[in-house]
Amino acid sequence: MKKKVLALALCCAMALGGTASAKTFITIGSGGVGGTYYPLGGSMAEVLTKANIDVKATS
């Protein structure tokens, strides 16, 4: 039981400590400009960028 609690505390500390000033850049693959999936990829990138999770997404 102690090992599980210690492992969980360590994971939480690493997750919270590593996101203080880190910015992750993501590129979302979508179709061409005239394709069906281009607007979907752009919308997904916009949602991820505005979600306040330190992610900068482009399509």
PDB file of N, CA and C in Angstrom:
ATOM      1  N   MET A   1       0.828  -1.190   0.000  1.00  0.00           N
ATOM      2  CA  MET A   1       0.000   0.000   0.000  1.00  0.00           C
ATOM      3  C   MET A   1       0.874   1.256   0.000  1.00  0.00           C
ATOM      4  N   LYS A   2       1.958   1.236   0.801  1.00  0.00           N
ATOM      5  CA  LYS A   2       2.832   2.400   0.878  1.00  0.00           C
ATOM      6  C   LYS A   2       3.497   2.675  -0.462  1.00  0.00           C
ATOM      7  N   LYS A   3       3.855   1.614  -1.180  1.00  0.00           N
ATOM      8  CA  LYS A   3       4.510   1.789  -2.472  1.00  0.00           C
ATOM      9  C   LYS A   3       3.570   2.432  -3.483  1.00  0.00           C
ATOM     10  N   LYS A   4       2.301   2.060  -3.455  1.00  0.00           N
ATOM     11  CA  LYS A   4       1.329   2.643  -4.377  1.00  0.00           C
ATOM     12  C   LYS A   4       1.131   4.128  -4.097  1.00  0.00           C
ATOM     13  N   VAL A   5       1.027   4.479  -2.821  1.00  0.00           N
ATOM     14  CA  VAL A   5       0.836   5.879  -2.452  1.00  0.00           C
ATOM     15  C   VAL A   5       2.073   6.693  -2.825  1.00  0.00           C
ATOM     16  N   LEU A   6       3.251   6.148  -2.587  1.00  0.00           N
ATOM     17  CA  LEU A   6       4.489   6.830  -2.931  1.00  0.00           C
ATOM     18  C   LEU A   6       4.612   7.008  -4.440  1.00  0.00           C
ATOM     19  N   ALA A   7       4.267   6.000  -5.204  1.00  0.00           N
ATOM     20  CA  ALA A   7       4.323   6.093  -6.662  1.00  0.00           C
ATOM     21  C   ALA A   7       3.332   7.133  -7.176  1.00  0.00           C
ATOM     22  N   LEU A   8       2.134   7.169  -6.613  1.00  0.00           N
ATOM     23  CA  LEU A   8       1.141   8.152  -7.021  1.00  0.00           C
ATOM     24  C   LEU A   8       1.596   9.566  -6.678  1.00  0.00           C
ATOM     25  N   ALA A   9       2.157   9.757  -5.507  1.00  0.00           N
ATOM     26  CA  ALA A   9       2.661  11.078  -5.110  1.00  0.00           C
ATOM     27  C   ALA A   9       3.802  11.526  -6.011  1.00  0.00           C
ATOM     28  N   LEU A  10       4.676  10.604  -6.374  1.00  0.00           N
ATOM     29  CA  LEU A  10       5.789  10.929  -7.259  1.00  0.00           C
ATOM     30  C   LEU A  10       5.289  11.320  -8.647  1.00  0.00           C
ATOM     31  N   CYS A  11       4.315  10.597  -9.159  1.00  0.00           N
ATOM     32  CA  CYS A  11       3.735  10.924 -10.473  1.00  0.00           C
ATOM     33  C   CYS A  11       3.075  12.300 -10.453  1.00  0.00           C
ATOM     34  N   CYS A  12       2.338  12.585  -9.398  1.00  0.00           N
ATOM     35  CA  CYS A  12       1.683  13.895  -9.290  1.00  0.00           C
ATOM     36  C   CYS A  12       2.699  15.018  -9.192  1.00  0.00           C
ATOM     37  N   ALA A  13       3.754  14.815  -8.426  1.00  0.00           N
ATOM     38  CA  ALA A  13       4.794  15.836  -8.286  1.00  0.00           C
ATOM     39  C   ALA A  13       5.489  16.097  -9.613  1.00  0.00           C
ATOM     40  N   MET A  14       5.754  15.044 -10.364  1.00  0.00           N
ATOM     41  CA  MET A  14       6.405  15.204 -11.661  1.00  0.00           C
ATOM     42  C   MET A  14       5.477  15.907 -12.647  1.00  0.00           C
ATOM     43  N   ALA A  15       4.200  15.572 -12.619  1.00  0.00           N
ATOM     44  CA  ALA A  15       3.238  16.178 -13.548  1.00  0.00           C
ATOM     45  C   ALA A  15       3.045  17.653 -13.243  1.00  0.00           C
ATOM     46  N   LEU A  16       2.919  17.991 -11.985  1.00  0.00           N
ATOM     47  CA  LEU A  16       2.707  19.389 -11.618  1.00  0.00           C
ATOM     48  C   LEU A  16       3.980  20.210 -11.726  1.00  0.00           C
ATOM     49  N   GLY A  17       5.097  19.632 -11.437  1.00  0.00           N
ATOM     50  CA  GLY A  17       6.359  20.357 -11.499  1.00  0.00           C
ATOM     51  C   GLY A  17       6.828  20.602 -12.914  1.00  0.00           C
ATOM     52  N   GLY A  18       6.542  19.697 -13.818  1.00  0.00           N
ATOM     53  CA  GLY A  18       7.018  19.826 -15.181  1.00  0.00           C
ATOM     54  C   GLY A  18       6.191  20.749 -16.053  1.00  0.00           C
ATOM     55  N   THR A  19       5.005  21.124 -15.620  1.00  0.00           N
ATOM     56  CA  THR A  19       4.150  21.956 -16.452  1.00  0.00           C
ATOM     57  C   THR A  19       4.164  23.416 -16.055  1.00  0.00           C
ATOM     58  N   ALA A  20       5.051  23.811 -15.194  1.00  0.00           N
ATOM     59  CA  ALA A  20       5.058  25.186 -14.712  1.00  0.00           C
ATOM     60  C   ALA A  20       5.314  26.178 -15.840  1.00  0.00           C
ATOM     61  N   SER A  21       6.293  25.923 -16.679  1.00  0.00           N
ATOM     62  CA  SER A  21       6.582  26.868 -17.750  1.00  0.00           C
ATOM     63  C   SER A  21       6.794  26.167 -19.085  1.00  0.00           C
ATOM     64  N   ALA A  22       6.442  24.918 -19.175  1.00  0.00           N
ATOM     65  CA  ALA A  22       6.655  24.158 -20.405  1.00  0.00           C
ATOM     66  C   ALA A  22       5.543  24.455 -21.403  1.00  0.00           C
ATOM     67  N   LYS A  23       5.891  24.511 -22.663  1.00  0.00           N
ATOM     68  CA  LYS A  23       4.925  24.701 -23.736  1.00  0.00           C
ATOM     69  C   LYS A  23       5.150  23.585 -24.735  1.00  0.00           C
ATOM     70  N   THR A  24       4.126  22.820 -25.019  1.00  0.00           N
ATOM     71  CA  THR A  24       4.216  21.710 -25.949  1.00  0.00           C
ATOM     72  C   THR A  24       3.651  22.148 -27.294  1.00  0.00           C
ATOM     73  N   PHE A  25       4.393  21.890 -28.361  1.00  0.00           N
ATOM     74  CA  PHE A  25       3.961  22.234 -29.705  1.00  0.00           C
ATOM     75  C   PHE A  25       3.478  20.967 -30.402  1.00  0.00           C
ATOM     76  N   ILE A  26       2.264  21.033 -30.967  1.00  0.00           N
ATOM     77  CA  ILE A  26       1.643  19.888 -31.618  1.00  0.00           C
ATOM     78  C   ILE A  26       1.211  20.299 -33.025  1.00  0.00           C
ATOM     79  N   THR A  27       1.453  19.428 -33.984  1.00  0.00           N
ATOM     80  CA  THR A  27       0.953  19.630 -35.345  1.00  0.00           C
ATOM     81  C   THR A  27      -0.084  18.564 -35.628  1.00  0.00           C
ATOM     82  N   ILE A  28      -1.283  18.990 -35.990  1.00  0.00           N
ATOM     83  CA  ILE A  28      -2.370  18.073 -36.281  1.00  0.00           C
ATOM     84  C   ILE A  28      -2.429  17.870 -37.789  1.00  0.00           C
ATOM     85  N   GLY A  29      -2.314  16.629 -38.214  1.00  0.00           N
ATOM     86  CA  GLY A  29      -2.391  16.330 -39.643  1.00  0.00           C
ATOM     87  C   GLY A  29      -3.834  16.357 -40.113  1.00  0.00           C
ATOM     88  N   SER A  30      -4.080  17.123 -41.159  1.00  0.00           N
ATOM     89  CA  SER A  30      -5.423  17.182 -41.733  1.00  0.00           C
ATOM     90  C   SER A  30      -5.287  17.171 -43.249  1.00  0.00           C
ATOM     91  N   GLY A  31      -6.382  17.288 -43.939  1.00  0.00           N
ATOM     92  CA  GLY A  31      -6.360  17.257 -45.397  1.00  0.00           C
ATOM     93  C   GLY A  31      -5.851  18.552 -45.990  1.00  0.00           C
ATOM     94  N   GLY A  32      -5.891  18.623 -47.302  1.00  0.00           N
ATOM     95  CA  GLY A  32      -5.497  19.832 -48.006  1.00  0.00           C
ATOM     96  C   GLY A  32      -6.478  20.965 -47.749  1.00  0.00           C
ATOM     97  N   VAL A  33      -6.125  22.178 -48.196  1.00  0.00           N
ATOM     98  CA  VAL A  33      -6.938  23.362 -47.924  1.00  0.00           C
ATOM     99  C   VAL A  33      -8.369  23.194 -48.435  1.00  0.00           C
ATOM    100  N   GLY A  34      -8.564  22.528 -49.538  1.00  0.00           N
ATOM    101  CA  GLY A  34      -9.899  22.332 -50.070  1.00  0.00           C
ATOM    102  C   GLY A  34     -10.567  21.051 -49.620  1.00  0.00           C
ATOM    103  N   GLY A  35      -9.904  20.313 -48.745  1.00  0.00           N
ATOM    104  CA  GLY A  35     -10.411  19.007 -48.341  1.00  0.00           C
ATOM    105  C   GLY A  35     -11.443  19.055 -47.233  1.00  0.00           C
ATOM    106  N   THR A  36     -12.011  17.907 -46.953  1.00  0.00           N
ATOM    107  CA  THR A  36     -13.044  17.774 -45.942  1.00  0.00           C
ATOM    108  C   THR A  36     -12.484  17.914 -44.532  1.00  0.00           C
ATOM    109  N   TYR A  37     -11.288  17.403 -44.286  1.00  0.00           N
ATOM    110  CA  TYR A  37     -10.741  17.365 -42.933  1.00  0.00           C
ATOM    111  C   TYR A  37      -9.958  18.613 -42.542  1.00  0.00           C
ATOM    112  N   TYR A  38      -9.747  19.537 -43.452  1.00  0.00           N
ATOM    113  CA  TYR A  38      -8.996  20.755 -43.141  1.00  0.00           C
ATOM    114  C   TYR A  38      -9.693  21.595 -42.068  1.00  0.00           C
ATOM    115  N   PRO A  39     -10.996  21.880 -42.182  1.00  0.00           N
ATOM    116  CA  PRO A  39     -11.669  22.644 -41.124  1.00  0.00           C
ATOM    117  C   PRO A  39     -11.688  21.909 -39.783  1.00  0.00           C
ATOM    118  N   LEU A  40     -11.800  20.592 -39.825  1.00  0.00           N
ATOM    119  CA  LEU A  40     -11.800  19.806 -38.592  1.00  0.00           C
ATOM    120  C   LEU A  40     -10.454  19.918 -37.878  1.00  0.00           C
ATOM    121  N   GLY A  41      -9.365  19.790 -38.631  1.00  0.00           N
ATOM    122  CA  GLY A  41      -8.035  19.918 -38.038  1.00  0.00           C
ATOM    123  C   GLY A  41      -7.802  21.298 -37.473  1.00  0.00           C
ATOM    124  N   GLY A  42      -8.253  22.336 -38.178  1.00  0.00           N
ATOM    125  CA  GLY A  42      -8.116  23.706 -37.679  1.00  0.00           C
ATOM    126  C   GLY A  42      -8.907  23.933 -36.408  1.00  0.00           C
ATOM    127  N   SER A  43     -10.093  23.384 -36.347  1.00  0.00           N
ATOM    128  CA  SER A  43     -10.925  23.521 -35.149  1.00  0.00           C
ATOM    129  C   SER A  43     -10.309  22.798 -33.958  1.00  0.00           C
ATOM    130  N   MET A  44      -9.775  21.595 -34.202  1.00  0.00           N
ATOM    131  CA  MET A  44      -9.123  20.854 -33.115  1.00  0.00           C
ATOM    132  C   MET A  44      -7.910  21.611 -32.594  1.00  0.00           C
ATOM    133  N   ALA A  45      -7.127  22.198 -33.488  1.00  0.00           N
ATOM    134  CA  ALA A  45      -5.949  22.967 -33.086  1.00  0.00           C
ATOM    135  C   ALA A  45      -6.360  24.184 -32.265  1.00  0.00           C
ATOM    136  N   GLU A  46      -7.424  24.839 -32.666  1.00  0.00           N
ATOM    137  CA  GLU A  46      -7.901  26.021 -31.937  1.00  0.00           C
ATOM    138  C   GLU A  46      -8.368  25.654 -30.533  1.00  0.00           C
ATOM    139  N   VAL A  47      -9.106  24.562 -30.421  1.00  0.00           N
ATOM    140  CA  VAL A  47      -9.595  24.124 -29.109  1.00  0.00           C
ATOM    141  C   VAL A  47      -8.431  23.768 -28.186  1.00  0.00           C
ATOM    142  N   LEU A  48      -7.450  23.038 -28.698  1.00  0.00           N
ATOM    143  CA  LEU A  48      -6.307  22.661 -27.866  1.00  0.00           C
ATOM    144  C   LEU A  48      -5.489  23.871 -27.440  1.00  0.00           C
ATOM    145  N   THR A  49      -5.327  24.845 -28.326  1.00  0.00           N
ATOM    146  CA  THR A  49      -4.544  26.029 -27.995  1.00  0.00           C
ATOM    147  C   THR A  49      -5.248  26.872 -26.935  1.00  0.00           C
ATOM    148  N   LYS A  50      -6.557  26.970 -26.998  1.00  0.00           N
ATOM    149  CA  LYS A  50      -7.315  27.807 -26.065  1.00  0.00           C
ATOM    150  C   LYS A  50      -7.700  27.093 -24.780  1.00  0.00           C
ATOM    151  N   ALA A  51      -7.294  25.846 -24.586  1.00  0.00           N
ATOM    152  CA  ALA A  51      -7.719  25.048 -23.431  1.00  0.00           C
ATOM    153  C   ALA A  51      -6.925  25.315 -22.160  1.00  0.00           C
ATOM    154  N   ASN A  52      -5.962  26.231 -22.193  1.00  0.00           N
ATOM    155  CA  ASN A  52      -5.135  26.565 -21.021  1.00  0.00           C
ATOM    156  C   ASN A  52      -4.399  25.354 -20.462  1.00  0.00           C
ATOM    157  N   ILE A  53      -3.852  24.515 -21.342  1.00  0.00           N
ATOM    158  CA  ILE A  53      -3.082  23.354 -20.909  1.00  0.00           C
ATOM    159  C   ILE A  53      -1.647  23.436 -21.431  1.00  0.00           C
ATOM    160  N   ASP A  54      -1.182  24.647 -21.748  1.00  0.00           N
ATOM    161  CA  ASP A  54       0.178  24.900 -22.222  1.00  0.00           C
ATOM    162  C   ASP A  54       0.515  24.118 -23.493  1.00  0.00           C
ATOM    163  N   VAL A  55      -0.422  24.102 -24.433  1.00  0.00           N
ATOM    164  CA  VAL A  55      -0.221  23.447 -25.709  1.00  0.00           C
ATOM    165  C   VAL A  55      -0.448  24.464 -26.816  1.00  0.00           C
ATOM    166  N   LYS A  56       0.468  24.501 -27.783  1.00  0.00           N
ATOM    167  CA  LYS A  56       0.306  25.326 -28.979  1.00  0.00           C
ATOM    168  C   LYS A  56       0.139  24.374 -30.140  1.00  0.00           C
ATOM    169  N   ALA A  57      -1.070  24.325 -30.705  1.00  0.00           N
ATOM    170  CA  ALA A  57      -1.374  23.378 -31.771  1.00  0.00           C
ATOM    171  C   ALA A  57      -1.564  24.112 -33.091  1.00  0.00           C
ATOM    172  N   THR A  58      -1.085  23.504 -34.159  1.00  0.00           N
ATOM    173  CA  THR A  58      -1.300  24.004 -35.512  1.00  0.00           C
ATOM    174  C   THR A  58      -1.820  22.860 -36.367  1.00  0.00           C
ATOM    175  N   SER A  59      -2.479  23.239 -37.448  1.00  0.00           N
ATOM    176  CA  SER A  59      -3.020  22.218 -38.346  1.00  0.00           C
ATOM    177  C   SER A  59      -2.238  22.216 -39.634  1.00  0.00           C
TER     178      SER A  59
END
